[in-house]
Amino acid sequence: MGRRHASHEYPAPASSGAVVREVPAGTFKNTCLQLLDQVQQQEFEIVVTKHGKPVARLVPIESKGATGFGFMRGTVVSHGDLVSPDPEAWGEFG
């Protein structure tokens, strides 16, 4: 019989404030879908280990913020026609 590994919980780095749960790779393999649901619902991190060494981190997706489309609407100021050439500015080269 193989060794049974217990999962461990410890605090995440101070920047995140989340709880991190350490799970051996074999346990992760057997319970992957359940762990994905837990990470999403309870918003904690999982560190997957092989032979006690961290190899991967599963983290929840940050909540959806504003999209990249239209986020600068109303912030651009127009100062005339920027496309047409200005013959005075080009002088003899225009």
Protein backbone atom coordinates (compact mmCIF):
# COMPACT_ATOMS: atom_id res chain seq x y z
CA MET A 1 0.00 0.00 0.00
CA GLY A 2 1.12 3.54 -0.76
CA ARG A 3 1.71 6.18 1.85
CA ARG A 4 -1.19 8.43 2.67
CA HIS A 5 -0.44 12.11 2.54
CA ALA A 6 -2.46 14.56 4.53
CA SER A 7 -3.20 17.96 3.10
CA HIS A 8 -1.96 20.92 5.08
CA GLU A 9 -3.30 24.45 5.42
CA TYR A 10 -1.19 27.50 6.11
CA PRO A 11 -1.59 31.24 5.55
CA ALA A 12 -0.73 32.61 2.13
CA PRO A 13 1.85 35.36 1.74
CA ALA A 14 0.85 38.54 3.57
CA SER A 15 -0.09 40.27 0.33
CA SER A 16 -3.03 37.99 -0.46
CA GLY A 17 -4.51 37.22 2.97
CA ALA A 18 -5.94 33.96 1.59
CA VAL A 19 -5.58 30.50 3.09
CA VAL A 20 -3.36 28.08 1.18
CA ARG A 21 -4.06 24.36 1.26
CA GLU A 22 -1.23 21.99 0.38
CA VAL A 23 -2.35 18.86 -1.49
CA PRO A 24 -0.19 15.97 -2.72
CA ALA A 25 -0.32 15.37 -6.49
CA GLY A 26 -2.01 11.97 -6.10
CA THR A 27 -4.79 13.45 -3.98
CA PHE A 28 -5.15 16.33 -6.43
CA LYS A 29 -5.46 13.87 -9.31
CA ASN A 30 -8.23 11.92 -7.55
CA THR A 31 -10.20 14.97 -6.37
CA CYS A 32 -9.37 17.58 -9.02
CA LEU A 33 -12.94 18.59 -9.92
CA GLN A 34 -13.99 18.89 -6.28
CA LEU A 35 -10.93 20.99 -5.49
CA LEU A 36 -11.62 23.28 -8.46
CA ASP A 37 -15.14 23.89 -7.15
CA GLN A 38 -13.84 24.56 -3.64
CA VAL A 39 -11.24 27.04 -4.87
CA GLN A 40 -13.88 28.89 -6.86
CA GLN A 41 -16.53 28.95 -4.12
CA GLN A 42 -14.38 29.47 -1.02
CA GLU A 43 -11.65 31.55 -2.67
CA PHE A 44 -8.56 29.85 -1.27
CA GLU A 45 -5.38 28.63 -2.94
CA ILE A 46 -4.11 25.09 -3.40
CA VAL A 47 -0.43 24.25 -3.69
CA VAL A 48 0.08 20.86 -5.36
CA THR A 49 3.16 18.99 -4.13
CA LYS A 50 5.20 16.04 -5.36
CA HIS A 51 7.28 14.30 -2.73
CA GLY A 52 6.61 17.23 -0.38
CA LYS A 53 7.91 19.87 -2.80
CA PRO A 54 5.55 22.49 -4.29
CA VAL A 55 5.11 22.10 -8.06
CA ALA A 56 1.94 24.05 -8.91
CA ARG A 57 -0.50 26.56 -7.45
CA LEU A 58 -4.25 26.65 -8.10
CA VAL A 59 -5.77 30.05 -7.40
CA PRO A 60 -9.25 31.49 -7.96
CA ILE A 61 -9.78 33.86 -10.86
CA GLU A 62 -10.07 37.44 -9.67
CA SER A 63 -13.57 38.80 -9.83
CA LYS A 64 -14.41 40.33 -13.17
CA GLY A 65 -13.74 44.02 -13.35
CA ALA A 66 -14.15 46.44 -16.20
CA THR A 67 -13.28 45.11 -19.63
CA GLY A 68 -10.61 46.60 -21.85
CA PHE A 69 -13.20 47.97 -24.25
CA GLY A 70 -14.28 51.53 -23.64
CA PHE A 71 -12.37 52.00 -20.38
CA MET A 72 -10.82 55.26 -21.67
CA ARG A 73 -14.03 56.67 -23.15
CA GLY A 74 -14.25 60.40 -22.51
CA THR A 75 -10.56 60.80 -21.63
CA VAL A 76 -9.18 61.81 -25.05
CA VAL A 77 -9.12 65.50 -26.03
CA SER A 78 -9.21 66.44 -29.71
CA HIS A 79 -7.21 69.44 -30.95
CA GLY A 80 -8.25 69.74 -34.57
CA ASP A 81 -7.44 67.58 -37.57
CA LEU A 82 -4.49 65.33 -36.77
CA VAL A 83 -4.52 63.48 -40.11
CA SER A 84 -4.35 66.20 -42.79
CA PRO A 85 -0.87 67.58 -43.55
CA ASP A 86 0.01 71.13 -42.48
CA PRO A 87 1.81 72.80 -45.43
CA GLU A 88 3.12 75.60 -43.22
CA ALA A 89 4.80 73.15 -40.85
CA TRP A 90 6.52 71.31 -43.75
CA GLY A 91 7.69 74.47 -45.54
CA GLU A 92 9.61 73.62 -48.70
CA PHE A 93 9.40 69.85 -47.96
CA GLY A 94 5.58 69.84 -48.21
